[in-house]
PDB file of all heavy atoms in Angstrom:
ATOM      1  N   GLU A   1      -7.837 -17.335   8.189  1.00  0.00           N
ATOM      2  CA  GLU A   1      -6.893 -17.667   9.388  1.00  0.00           C
ATOM      3  C   GLU A   1      -6.915 -16.499  10.335  1.00  0.00           C
ATOM      4  O   GLU A   1      -6.789 -16.787  11.506  1.00  0.00           O
ATOM      5  CB  GLU A   1      -5.475 -17.941   8.915  1.00  0.00           C
ATOM      6  CG  GLU A   1      -5.350 -19.235   8.100  1.00  0.00           C
ATOM      7  CD  GLU A   1      -3.925 -19.387   7.570  1.00  0.00           C
ATOM      8  OE1 GLU A   1      -3.096 -18.467   7.698  1.00  0.00           O
ATOM      9  OE2 GLU A   1      -3.675 -20.450   6.985  1.00  0.00           O
ATOM     10  N   THR A   2      -7.039 -15.313   9.907  1.00  0.00           N
ATOM     11  CA  THR A   2      -7.013 -14.183  10.830  1.00  0.00           C
ATOM     12  C   THR A   2      -8.312 -13.547  11.219  1.00  0.00           C
ATOM     13  O   THR A   2      -8.473 -12.656  12.050  1.00  0.00           O
ATOM     14  CB  THR A   2      -6.271 -12.931  10.020  1.00  0.00           C
ATOM     15  OG1 THR A   2      -6.957 -12.646   8.891  1.00  0.00           O
ATOM     16  CG2 THR A   2      -4.816 -13.302   9.701  1.00  0.00           C
ATOM     17  N   GLY A   3      -9.376 -14.258  10.664  1.00  0.00           N
ATOM     18  CA  GLY A   3     -10.686 -13.754  11.154  1.00  0.00           C
ATOM     19  C   GLY A   3     -11.110 -12.482  10.446  1.00  0.00           C
ATOM     20  O   GLY A   3     -12.124 -11.904  10.952  1.00  0.00           O
ATOM     21  N   SER A   4     -10.518 -12.051   9.414  1.00  0.00           N
ATOM     22  CA  SER A   4     -10.815 -10.718   8.796  1.00  0.00           C
ATOM     23  C   SER A   4     -11.813 -11.016   7.637  1.00  0.00           C
ATOM     24  O   SER A   4     -12.107 -12.128   7.349  1.00  0.00           O
ATOM     25  CB  SER A   4      -9.494 -10.061   8.336  1.00  0.00           C
ATOM     26  OG  SER A   4      -9.746  -8.755   7.795  1.00  0.00           O
ATOM     27  N   SER A   5     -12.054  -9.953   6.858  1.00  0.00           N
ATOM     28  CA  SER A   5     -13.039 -10.072   5.742  1.00  0.00           C
ATOM     29  C   SER A   5     -12.448  -9.363   4.525  1.00  0.00           C
ATOM     30  O   SER A   5     -11.526  -8.458   4.567  1.00  0.00           O
ATOM     31  CB  SER A   5     -14.290  -9.468   6.168  1.00  0.00           C
ATOM     32  OG  SER A   5     -14.249  -8.150   6.363  1.00  0.00           O
ATOM     33  N   TRP A   6     -13.036  -9.686   3.328  1.00  0.00           N
ATOM     34  CA  TRP A   6     -12.551  -8.923   2.067  1.00  0.00           C
ATOM     35  C   TRP A   6     -12.901  -7.443   2.142  1.00  0.00           C
ATOM     36  O   TRP A   6     -12.269  -6.740   1.590  1.00  0.00           O
ATOM     37  CB  TRP A   6     -13.406  -9.747   0.819  1.00  0.00           C
ATOM     38  CG  TRP A   6     -12.449 -10.772   0.298  1.00  0.00           C
ATOM     39  CD1 TRP A   6     -12.655 -12.072   0.337  1.00  0.00           C
ATOM     40  CD2 TRP A   6     -11.251 -10.514  -0.486  1.00  0.00           C
ATOM     41  NE1 TRP A   6     -11.702 -12.698  -0.421  1.00  0.00           N
ATOM     42  CE2 TRP A   6     -10.759 -11.818  -0.821  1.00  0.00           C
ATOM     43  CE3 TRP A   6     -10.597  -9.434  -0.965  1.00  0.00           C
ATOM     44  CZ2 TRP A   6      -9.637 -12.056  -1.674  1.00  0.00           C
ATOM     45  CZ3 TRP A   6      -9.459  -9.524  -1.771  1.00  0.00           C
ATOM     46  CH2 TRP A   6      -8.982 -10.826  -2.113  1.00  0.00           C
ATOM     47  N   SER A   7     -14.059  -7.149   2.723  1.00  0.00           N
ATOM     48  CA  SER A   7     -14.494  -5.724   2.692  1.00  0.00           C
ATOM     49  C   SER A   7     -13.337  -4.923   3.408  1.00  0.00           C
ATOM     50  O   SER A   7     -13.073  -3.748   3.030  1.00  0.00           O
ATOM     51  CB  SER A   7     -15.745  -5.514   3.545  1.00  0.00           C
ATOM     52  OG  SER A   7     -15.675  -6.073   4.883  1.00  0.00           O
ATOM     53  N   ALA A   8     -12.651  -5.357   4.472  1.00  0.00           N
ATOM     54  CA  ALA A   8     -11.603  -4.718   5.122  1.00  0.00           C
ATOM     55  C   ALA A   8     -10.256  -4.760   4.300  1.00  0.00           C
ATOM     56  O   ALA A   8      -9.450  -3.813   4.281  1.00  0.00           O
ATOM     57  CB  ALA A   8     -11.417  -5.215   6.475  1.00  0.00           C
ATOM     58  N   ALA A   9     -10.153  -5.880   3.599  1.00  0.00           N
ATOM     59  CA  ALA A   9      -8.802  -6.082   2.881  1.00  0.00           C
ATOM     60  C   ALA A   9      -8.736  -5.597   1.506  1.00  0.00           C
ATOM     61  O   ALA A   9      -7.736  -5.339   0.969  1.00  0.00           O
ATOM     62  CB  ALA A   9      -8.527  -7.649   2.830  1.00  0.00           C
ATOM     63  N   ALA A  10      -9.958  -5.314   0.898  1.00  0.00           N
ATOM     64  CA  ALA A  10     -10.035  -4.918  -0.475  1.00  0.00           C
ATOM     65  C   ALA A  10      -9.254  -3.673  -0.828  1.00  0.00           C
ATOM     66  O   ALA A  10      -8.521  -3.725  -1.871  1.00  0.00           O
ATOM     67  CB  ALA A  10     -11.514  -4.762  -0.915  1.00  0.00           C
ATOM     68  N   PRO A  11      -9.325  -2.586   0.007  1.00  0.00           N
ATOM     69  CA  PRO A  11      -8.474  -1.412  -0.380  1.00  0.00           C
ATOM     70  C   PRO A  11      -6.946  -1.648  -0.509  1.00  0.00           C
ATOM     71  O   PRO A  11      -6.323  -1.241  -1.330  1.00  0.00           O
ATOM     72  CB  PRO A  11      -8.840  -0.459   0.680  1.00  0.00           C
ATOM     73  CG  PRO A  11     -10.124  -0.877   1.287  1.00  0.00           C
ATOM     74  CD  PRO A  11     -10.022  -2.383   1.197  1.00  0.00           C
ATOM     75  N   ARG A  12      -6.392  -2.422   0.562  1.00  0.00           N
ATOM     76  CA  ARG A  12      -4.992  -2.806   0.491  1.00  0.00           C
ATOM     77  C   ARG A  12      -4.709  -3.569  -0.708  1.00  0.00           C
ATOM     78  O   ARG A  12      -3.697  -3.355  -1.450  1.00  0.00           O
ATOM     79  CB  ARG A  12      -4.641  -3.523   1.733  1.00  0.00           C
ATOM     80  CG  ARG A  12      -4.386  -2.728   2.963  1.00  0.00           C
ATOM     81  CD  ARG A  12      -4.195  -3.571   4.183  1.00  0.00           C
ATOM     82  NE  ARG A  12      -5.487  -4.247   4.632  1.00  0.00           N
ATOM     83  CZ  ARG A  12      -5.521  -5.398   5.311  1.00  0.00           C
ATOM     84  NH1 ARG A  12      -4.309  -5.930   5.653  1.00  0.00           N
ATOM     85  NH2 ARG A  12      -6.568  -6.029   5.558  1.00  0.00           N
ATOM     86  N   PHE A  13      -5.504  -4.614  -1.007  1.00  0.00           N
ATOM     87  CA  PHE A  13      -5.347  -5.471  -2.099  1.00  0.00           C
ATOM     88  C   PHE A  13      -5.331  -4.708  -3.452  1.00  0.00           C
ATOM     89  O   PHE A  13      -4.563  -4.887  -4.325  1.00  0.00           O
ATOM     90  CB  PHE A  13      -6.326  -6.605  -2.087  1.00  0.00           C
ATOM     91  CG  PHE A  13      -6.166  -7.622  -3.220  1.00  0.00           C
ATOM     92  CD1 PHE A  13      -5.397  -8.817  -2.865  1.00  0.00           C
ATOM     93  CD2 PHE A  13      -6.805  -7.445  -4.391  1.00  0.00           C
ATOM     94  CE1 PHE A  13      -5.335  -9.813  -3.903  1.00  0.00           C
ATOM     95  CE2 PHE A  13      -6.609  -8.479  -5.408  1.00  0.00           C
ATOM     96  CZ  PHE A  13      -5.886  -9.604  -5.202  1.00  0.00           C
ATOM     97  N   GLY A  14      -6.367  -3.845  -3.562  1.00  0.00           N
ATOM     98  CA  GLY A  14      -6.561  -3.101  -4.787  1.00  0.00           C
ATOM     99  C   GLY A  14      -5.453  -2.193  -5.059  1.00  0.00           C
ATOM    100  O   GLY A  14      -4.958  -2.065  -6.144  1.00  0.00           O
ATOM    101  N   LEU A  15      -4.940  -1.496  -3.990  1.00  0.00           N
ATOM    102  CA  LEU A  15      -3.907  -0.430  -4.152  1.00  0.00           C
ATOM    103  C   LEU A  15      -2.593  -1.234  -4.545  1.00  0.00           C
ATOM    104  O   LEU A  15      -1.879  -0.722  -5.532  1.00  0.00           O
ATOM    105  CB  LEU A  15      -3.673   0.379  -2.892  1.00  0.00           C
ATOM    106  CG  LEU A  15      -2.458   1.317  -2.852  1.00  0.00           C
ATOM    107  CD1 LEU A  15      -2.748   2.412  -4.037  1.00  0.00           C
ATOM    108  CD2 LEU A  15      -2.389   1.990  -1.556  1.00  0.00           C
ATOM    109  N   ALA A  16      -2.331  -2.307  -3.874  1.00  0.00           N
ATOM    110  CA  ALA A  16      -1.095  -3.210  -4.281  1.00  0.00           C
ATOM    111  C   ALA A  16      -1.181  -3.624  -5.675  1.00  0.00           C
ATOM    112  O   ALA A  16      -0.136  -3.779  -6.494  1.00  0.00           O
ATOM    113  CB  ALA A  16      -0.909  -4.192  -3.267  1.00  0.00           C
ATOM    114  N   ALA A  17      -2.362  -3.968  -6.105  1.00  0.00           N
ATOM    115  CA  ALA A  17      -2.517  -4.607  -7.454  1.00  0.00           C
ATOM    116  C   ALA A  17      -2.239  -3.531  -8.445  1.00  0.00           C
ATOM    117  O   ALA A  17      -1.625  -3.790  -9.486  1.00  0.00           O
ATOM    118  CB  ALA A  17      -4.001  -5.102  -7.596  1.00  0.00           C
ATOM    119  N   VAL A  18      -2.698  -2.260  -8.302  1.00  0.00           N
ATOM    120  CA  VAL A  18      -2.399  -1.115  -9.044  1.00  0.00           C
ATOM    121  C   VAL A  18      -0.985  -0.813  -9.191  1.00  0.00           C
ATOM    122  O   VAL A  18      -0.441  -0.738 -10.374  1.00  0.00           O
ATOM    123  CB  VAL A  18      -3.255   0.153  -8.684  1.00  0.00           C
ATOM    124  CG1 VAL A  18      -2.742   1.347  -9.439  1.00  0.00           C
ATOM    125  CG2 VAL A  18      -4.765  -0.012  -8.748  1.00  0.00           C
ATOM    126  N   LEU A  19      -0.308  -0.917  -8.166  1.00  0.00           N
ATOM    127  CA  LEU A  19       1.128  -0.683  -8.143  1.00  0.00           C
ATOM    128  C   LEU A  19       1.839  -1.775  -8.884  1.00  0.00           C
ATOM    129  O   LEU A  19       2.856  -1.494  -9.727  1.00  0.00           O
ATOM    130  CB  LEU A  19       1.694  -0.632  -6.746  1.00  0.00           C
ATOM    131  CG  LEU A  19       1.252   0.578  -5.861  1.00  0.00           C
ATOM    132  CD1 LEU A  19       1.737   0.443  -4.372  1.00  0.00           C
ATOM    133  CD2 LEU A  19       1.693   1.818  -6.446  1.00  0.00           C
ATOM    134  N   GLY A  20       1.470  -3.138  -8.700  1.00  0.00           N
ATOM    135  CA  GLY A  20       2.102  -4.163  -9.381  1.00  0.00           C
ATOM    136  C   GLY A  20       1.846  -4.035 -10.931  1.00  0.00           C
ATOM    137  O   GLY A  20       2.753  -4.205 -11.678  1.00  0.00           O
ATOM    138  N   GLY A  21       0.600  -3.662 -11.222  1.00  0.00           N
ATOM    139  CA  GLY A  21       0.249  -3.492 -12.743  1.00  0.00           C
ATOM    140  C   GLY A  21       1.044  -2.365 -13.365  1.00  0.00           C
ATOM    141  O   GLY A  21       1.604  -2.489 -14.355  1.00  0.00           O
ATOM    142  N   ALA A  22       1.227  -1.299 -12.625  1.00  0.00           N
ATOM    143  CA  ALA A  22       1.972  -0.124 -13.131  1.00  0.00           C
ATOM    144  C   ALA A  22       3.460  -0.498 -13.314  1.00  0.00           C
ATOM    145  O   ALA A  22       4.006  -0.049 -14.320  1.00  0.00           O
ATOM    146  CB  ALA A  22       1.888   1.068 -12.131  1.00  0.00           C
ATOM    147  N   ALA A  23       3.951  -1.335 -12.475  1.00  0.00           N
ATOM    148  CA  ALA A  23       5.413  -1.750 -12.587  1.00  0.00           C
ATOM    149  C   ALA A  23       5.603  -2.501 -13.931  1.00  0.00           C
ATOM    150  O   ALA A  23       6.576  -2.266 -14.726  1.00  0.00           O
ATOM    151  CB  ALA A  23       5.833  -2.633 -11.421  1.00  0.00           C
ATOM    152  N   VAL A  24       4.715  -3.370 -14.319  1.00  0.00           N
ATOM    153  CA  VAL A  24       4.810  -4.218 -15.468  1.00  0.00           C
ATOM    154  C   VAL A  24       4.557  -3.235 -16.686  1.00  0.00           C
ATOM    155  O   VAL A  24       5.309  -3.414 -17.756  1.00  0.00           O
ATOM    156  CB  VAL A  24       3.899  -5.320 -15.493  1.00  0.00           C
ATOM    157  CG1 VAL A  24       3.788  -6.001 -16.848  1.00  0.00           C
ATOM    158  CG2 VAL A  24       4.177  -6.349 -14.398  1.00  0.00           C
ATOM    159  N   ILE A  25       3.739  -2.372 -16.654  1.00  0.00           N
ATOM    160  CA  ILE A  25       3.394  -1.504 -17.748  1.00  0.00           C
ATOM    161  C   ILE A  25       4.613  -0.585 -17.948  1.00  0.00           C
ATOM    162  O   ILE A  25       5.047  -0.394 -19.173  1.00  0.00           O
ATOM    163  CB  ILE A  25       2.168  -0.584 -17.529  1.00  0.00           C
ATOM    164  CG1 ILE A  25       0.789  -1.411 -17.263  1.00  0.00           C
ATOM    165  CG2 ILE A  25       1.949   0.424 -18.654  1.00  0.00           C
ATOM    166  CD1 ILE A  25       0.534  -2.223 -18.502  1.00  0.00           C
ATOM    167  N   LEU A  26       5.242  -0.158 -16.917  1.00  0.00           N
ATOM    168  CA  LEU A  26       6.408   0.709 -17.140  1.00  0.00           C
ATOM    169  C   LEU A  26       7.530  -0.075 -17.719  1.00  0.00           C
ATOM    170  O   LEU A  26       8.306   0.361 -18.584  1.00  0.00           O
ATOM    171  CB  LEU A  26       6.791   1.327 -15.742  1.00  0.00           C
ATOM    172  CG  LEU A  26       6.001   2.407 -15.240  1.00  0.00           C
ATOM    173  CD1 LEU A  26       6.387   2.880 -13.856  1.00  0.00           C
ATOM    174  CD2 LEU A  26       6.029   3.764 -16.208  1.00  0.00           C
ATOM    175  N   LEU A  27       7.711  -1.362 -17.331  1.00  0.00           N
ATOM    176  CA  LEU A  27       8.781  -2.226 -17.831  1.00  0.00           C
ATOM    177  C   LEU A  27       8.579  -2.389 -19.296  1.00  0.00           C
ATOM    178  O   LEU A  27       9.454  -2.426 -20.131  1.00  0.00           O
ATOM    179  CB  LEU A  27       8.784  -3.599 -17.093  1.00  0.00           C
ATOM    180  CG  LEU A  27       9.837  -4.591 -17.644  1.00  0.00           C
ATOM    181  CD1 LEU A  27      11.147  -4.126 -17.552  1.00  0.00           C
ATOM    182  CD2 LEU A  27       9.583  -5.867 -16.751  1.00  0.00           C
ATOM    183  N   ASP A  28       7.321  -2.745 -19.597  1.00  0.00           N
ATOM    184  CA  ASP A  28       6.935  -2.956 -21.126  1.00  0.00           C
ATOM    185  C   ASP A  28       7.244  -1.708 -21.913  1.00  0.00           C
ATOM    186  O   ASP A  28       7.800  -1.818 -23.036  1.00  0.00           O
ATOM    187  CB  ASP A  28       5.418  -3.255 -21.109  1.00  0.00           C
ATOM    188  CG  ASP A  28       4.969  -3.691 -22.571  1.00  0.00           C
ATOM    189  OD1 ASP A  28       5.654  -4.476 -23.215  1.00  0.00           O
ATOM    190  OD2 ASP A  28       4.166  -2.937 -23.097  1.00  0.00           O
ATOM    191  N   ARG A  29       6.982  -0.591 -21.365  1.00  0.00           N
ATOM    192  CA  ARG A  29       7.243   0.695 -22.154  1.00  0.00           C
ATOM    193  C   ARG A  29       8.716   0.835 -22.322  1.00  0.00           C
ATOM    194  O   ARG A  29       9.296   1.263 -23.408  1.00  0.00           O
ATOM    195  CB  ARG A  29       6.609   1.929 -21.522  1.00  0.00           C
ATOM    196  CG  ARG A  29       5.108   1.924 -21.677  1.00  0.00           C
ATOM    197  CD  ARG A  29       4.458   3.219 -21.065  1.00  0.00           C
ATOM    198  NE  ARG A  29       3.025   3.186 -21.205  1.00  0.00           N
ATOM    199  CZ  ARG A  29       2.214   4.043 -20.806  1.00  0.00           C
ATOM    200  NH1 ARG A  29       2.832   5.038 -20.060  1.00  0.00           N
ATOM    201  NH2 ARG A  29       0.886   3.895 -20.911  1.00  0.00           N
ATOM    202  N   TYR A  30       9.495   0.623 -21.253  1.00  0.00           N
ATOM    203  CA  TYR A  30      11.019   0.717 -21.364  1.00  0.00           C
ATOM    204  C   TYR A  30      11.514  -0.306 -22.256  1.00  0.00           C
ATOM    205  O   TYR A  30      12.383  -0.004 -23.006  1.00  0.00           O
ATOM    206  CB  TYR A  30      11.541   0.528 -19.904  1.00  0.00           C
ATOM    207  CG  TYR A  30      13.024   0.521 -19.888  1.00  0.00           C
ATOM    208  CD1 TYR A  30      13.738   1.665 -20.083  1.00  0.00           C
ATOM    209  CD2 TYR A  30      13.725  -0.787 -19.504  1.00  0.00           C
ATOM    210  CE1 TYR A  30      15.185   1.594 -20.003  1.00  0.00           C
ATOM    211  CE2 TYR A  30      15.071  -0.781 -19.605  1.00  0.00           C
ATOM    212  CZ  TYR A  30      15.752   0.371 -19.854  1.00  0.00           C
ATOM    213  OH  TYR A  30      17.142   0.365 -19.773  1.00  0.00           O
ATOM    214  N   ALA A  31      10.973  -1.541 -22.242  1.00  0.00           N
ATOM    215  CA  ALA A  31      11.452  -2.513 -23.087  1.00  0.00           C
ATOM    216  C   ALA A  31      11.268  -2.191 -24.617  1.00  0.00           C
ATOM    217  O   ALA A  31      12.027  -2.470 -25.423  1.00  0.00           O
ATOM    218  CB  ALA A  31      10.774  -3.836 -22.698  1.00  0.00           C
TER     219      ALA A  31
END
């Protein structure tokens, strides 16, 4: 829809994915 590409979006997507994964891992360790 925005005319962008995965090559430009991949760094943002990947960093956010790492943060999301870390949040769950920390929750699991706390649990």
